[in-house]
Amino acid sequence: MTESSPSSSDPLKPQVGGIAADRLKSFIERLERLEVEKAQLQDFVKDVFDEAKSAGFDVKVIRQILKLRKQDAETLAEQEELLDLYKHALGMI
């Protein structure tokens, strides 16, 4: 076959300007679907925060706890020590 007519088994067909159009389109479509799913998940997260708030919990504190729980124990301990040191220096403790 010639370059202008690649075989149907060619995974990079058709190419436009050196770009595999089908493969690019596949990536774009997957990313678009993931963006929709992400938006739906963000709505669910908002609903849970709203539910926690209506139950009397402080959402800012919940967000802080979520952030802290993502950190490893060593990093968290170092930050807490430094925070305590700064509080002592400022007479807050």
C-alpha atoms as a PDB file:
ATOM      1  CA  MET A   1       0.000   0.000   0.000  1.00  0.00           C
ATOM      2  CA  THR A   2       1.101   3.577  -0.483  1.00  0.00           C
ATOM      3  CA  GLU A   3       1.564   6.150   2.235  1.00  0.00           C
ATOM      4  CA  SER A   4      -1.559   7.993   1.127  1.00  0.00           C
ATOM      5  CA  SER A   5      -3.614   4.843   1.667  1.00  0.00           C
ATOM      6  CA  PRO A   6      -2.484   3.029   4.839  1.00  0.00           C
ATOM      7  CA  SER A   7      -3.808  -0.467   5.511  1.00  0.00           C
ATOM      8  CA  SER A   8      -6.879  -0.876   7.694  1.00  0.00           C
ATOM      9  CA  SER A   9      -4.727  -2.623  10.327  1.00  0.00           C
ATOM     10  CA  ASP A  10      -2.534   0.472  10.735  1.00  0.00           C
ATOM     11  CA  PRO A  11      -3.164   1.680  14.327  1.00  0.00           C
ATOM     12  CA  LEU A  12      -2.183   5.218  13.400  1.00  0.00           C
ATOM     13  CA  LYS A  13      -4.597   5.750  10.515  1.00  0.00           C
ATOM     14  CA  PRO A  14      -5.707   8.274   9.429  1.00  0.00           C
ATOM     15  CA  GLN A  15      -2.969  10.735  10.147  1.00  0.00           C
ATOM     16  CA  VAL A  16      -3.421  14.458   9.844  1.00  0.00           C
ATOM     17  CA  GLY A  17      -0.272  16.507  10.027  1.00  0.00           C
ATOM     18  CA  GLY A  18       1.557  13.580  11.622  1.00  0.00           C
ATOM     19  CA  ILE A  19      -1.137  13.120  14.293  1.00  0.00           C
ATOM     20  CA  ALA A  20      -3.131   9.902  14.617  1.00  0.00           C
ATOM     21  CA  ALA A  21      -6.603  11.431  14.444  1.00  0.00           C
ATOM     22  CA  ASP A  22      -8.539   8.380  15.703  1.00  0.00           C
ATOM     23  CA  ARG A  23      -6.263   7.957  18.700  1.00  0.00           C
ATOM     24  CA  LEU A  24      -6.407  11.665  19.535  1.00  0.00           C
ATOM     25  CA  LYS A  25     -10.201  11.614  19.256  1.00  0.00           C
ATOM     26  CA  SER A  26     -10.310   8.611  21.606  1.00  0.00           C
ATOM     27  CA  PHE A  27      -8.242  10.462  24.226  1.00  0.00           C
ATOM     28  CA  ILE A  28     -10.407  13.563  23.938  1.00  0.00           C
ATOM     29  CA  GLU A  29     -13.637  11.576  24.293  1.00  0.00           C
ATOM     30  CA  ARG A  30     -12.310   9.688  27.329  1.00  0.00           C
ATOM     31  CA  LEU A  31     -11.256  12.929  28.979  1.00  0.00           C
ATOM     32  CA  GLU A  32     -14.640  14.490  28.260  1.00  0.00           C
ATOM     33  CA  ARG A  33     -16.415  11.529  29.897  1.00  0.00           C
ATOM     34  CA  LEU A  34     -14.118  11.773  32.911  1.00  0.00           C
ATOM     35  CA  GLU A  35     -14.835  15.505  33.214  1.00  0.00           C
ATOM     36  CA  VAL A  36     -18.576  14.733  33.330  1.00  0.00           C
ATOM     37  CA  GLU A  37     -18.000  12.065  35.994  1.00  0.00           C
ATOM     38  CA  LYS A  38     -15.786  14.471  37.936  1.00  0.00           C
ATOM     39  CA  ALA A  39     -18.530  17.118  37.921  1.00  0.00           C
ATOM     40  CA  GLN A  40     -21.044  14.548  39.157  1.00  0.00           C
ATOM     41  CA  LEU A  41     -18.691  13.485  41.949  1.00  0.00           C
ATOM     42  CA  GLN A  42     -18.153  17.120  42.923  1.00  0.00           C
ATOM     43  CA  ASP A  43     -21.918  17.477  43.241  1.00  0.00           C
ATOM     44  CA  PHE A  44     -21.996  14.424  45.534  1.00  0.00           C
ATOM     45  CA  VAL A  45     -19.155  15.856  47.638  1.00  0.00           C
ATOM     46  CA  LYS A  46     -21.021  19.160  47.950  1.00  0.00           C
ATOM     47  CA  ASP A  47     -24.136  17.267  49.041  1.00  0.00           C
ATOM     48  CA  VAL A  48     -22.184  15.477  51.785  1.00  0.00           C
ATOM     49  CA  PHE A  49     -20.699  18.768  53.018  1.00  0.00           C
ATOM     50  CA  ASP A  50     -24.182  20.316  53.023  1.00  0.00           C
ATOM     51  CA  GLU A  51     -25.501  17.336  54.974  1.00  0.00           C
ATOM     52  CA  ALA A  52     -22.678  17.600  57.518  1.00  0.00           C
ATOM     53  CA  LYS A  53     -23.315  21.336  57.885  1.00  0.00           C
ATOM     54  CA  SER A  54     -27.035  20.801  58.433  1.00  0.00           C
ATOM     55  CA  ALA A  55     -26.137  18.229  61.108  1.00  0.00           C
ATOM     56  CA  GLY A  56     -24.246  20.975  62.956  1.00  0.00           C
ATOM     57  CA  PHE A  57     -20.670  20.192  61.914  1.00  0.00           C
ATOM     58  CA  ASP A  58     -18.207  22.921  60.925  1.00  0.00           C
ATOM     59  CA  VAL A  59     -17.360  22.330  57.264  1.00  0.00           C
ATOM     60  CA  LYS A  60     -14.073  24.270  57.467  1.00  0.00           C
ATOM     61  CA  VAL A  61     -12.874  21.952  60.220  1.00  0.00           C
ATOM     62  CA  ILE A  62     -13.965  18.889  58.245  1.00  0.00           C
ATOM     63  CA  ARG A  63     -11.943  20.156  55.264  1.00  0.00           C
ATOM     64  CA  GLN A  64      -8.911  20.629  57.534  1.00  0.00           C
ATOM     65  CA  ILE A  65      -9.285  17.091  58.869  1.00  0.00           C
ATOM     66  CA  LEU A  66      -9.495  15.701  55.331  1.00  0.00           C
ATOM     67  CA  LYS A  67      -6.307  17.569  54.439  1.00  0.00           C
ATOM     68  CA  LEU A  68      -4.545  16.278  57.558  1.00  0.00           C
ATOM     69  CA  ARG A  69      -5.605  12.686  56.903  1.00  0.00           C
ATOM     70  CA  LYS A  70      -3.935  12.812  53.481  1.00  0.00           C
ATOM     71  CA  GLN A  71      -0.556  13.521  55.057  1.00  0.00           C
ATOM     72  CA  ASP A  72       1.759  10.833  56.329  1.00  0.00           C
ATOM     73  CA  ALA A  73       2.238  10.609  60.104  1.00  0.00           C
ATOM     74  CA  GLU A  74       5.793  11.976  60.090  1.00  0.00           C
ATOM     75  CA  THR A  75       4.942  15.087  58.072  1.00  0.00           C
ATOM     76  CA  LEU A  76       1.876  15.696  60.208  1.00  0.00           C
ATOM     77  CA  ALA A  77       3.877  15.394  63.442  1.00  0.00           C
ATOM     78  CA  GLU A  78       6.517  17.825  62.131  1.00  0.00           C
ATOM     79  CA  GLN A  79       3.867  20.387  61.196  1.00  0.00           C
ATOM     80  CA  GLU A  80       2.108  20.066  64.550  1.00  0.00           C
ATOM     81  CA  GLU A  81       5.421  20.533  66.403  1.00  0.00           C
ATOM     82  CA  LEU A  82       6.228  23.613  64.352  1.00  0.00           C
ATOM     83  CA  LEU A  83       2.729  25.000  64.872  1.00  0.00           C
ATOM     84  CA  ASP A  84       3.047  24.509  68.644  1.00  0.00           C
ATOM     85  CA  LEU A  85       6.483  26.162  68.609  1.00  0.00           C
ATOM     86  CA  TYR A  86       5.108  29.196  66.762  1.00  0.00           C
ATOM     87  CA  LYS A  87       2.104  29.407  69.102  1.00  0.00           C
ATOM     88  CA  HIS A  88       4.404  29.353  72.134  1.00  0.00           C
ATOM     89  CA  ALA A  89       6.589  32.053  70.574  1.00  0.00           C
ATOM     90  CA  LEU A  90       3.517  34.249  70.102  1.00  0.00           C
ATOM     91  CA  GLY A  91       2.150  33.540  73.577  1.00  0.00           C
ATOM     92  CA  MET A  92      -0.889  31.765  72.219  1.00  0.00           C
ATOM     93  CA  ILE A  93      -0.347  28.667  74.376  1.00  0.00           C
END
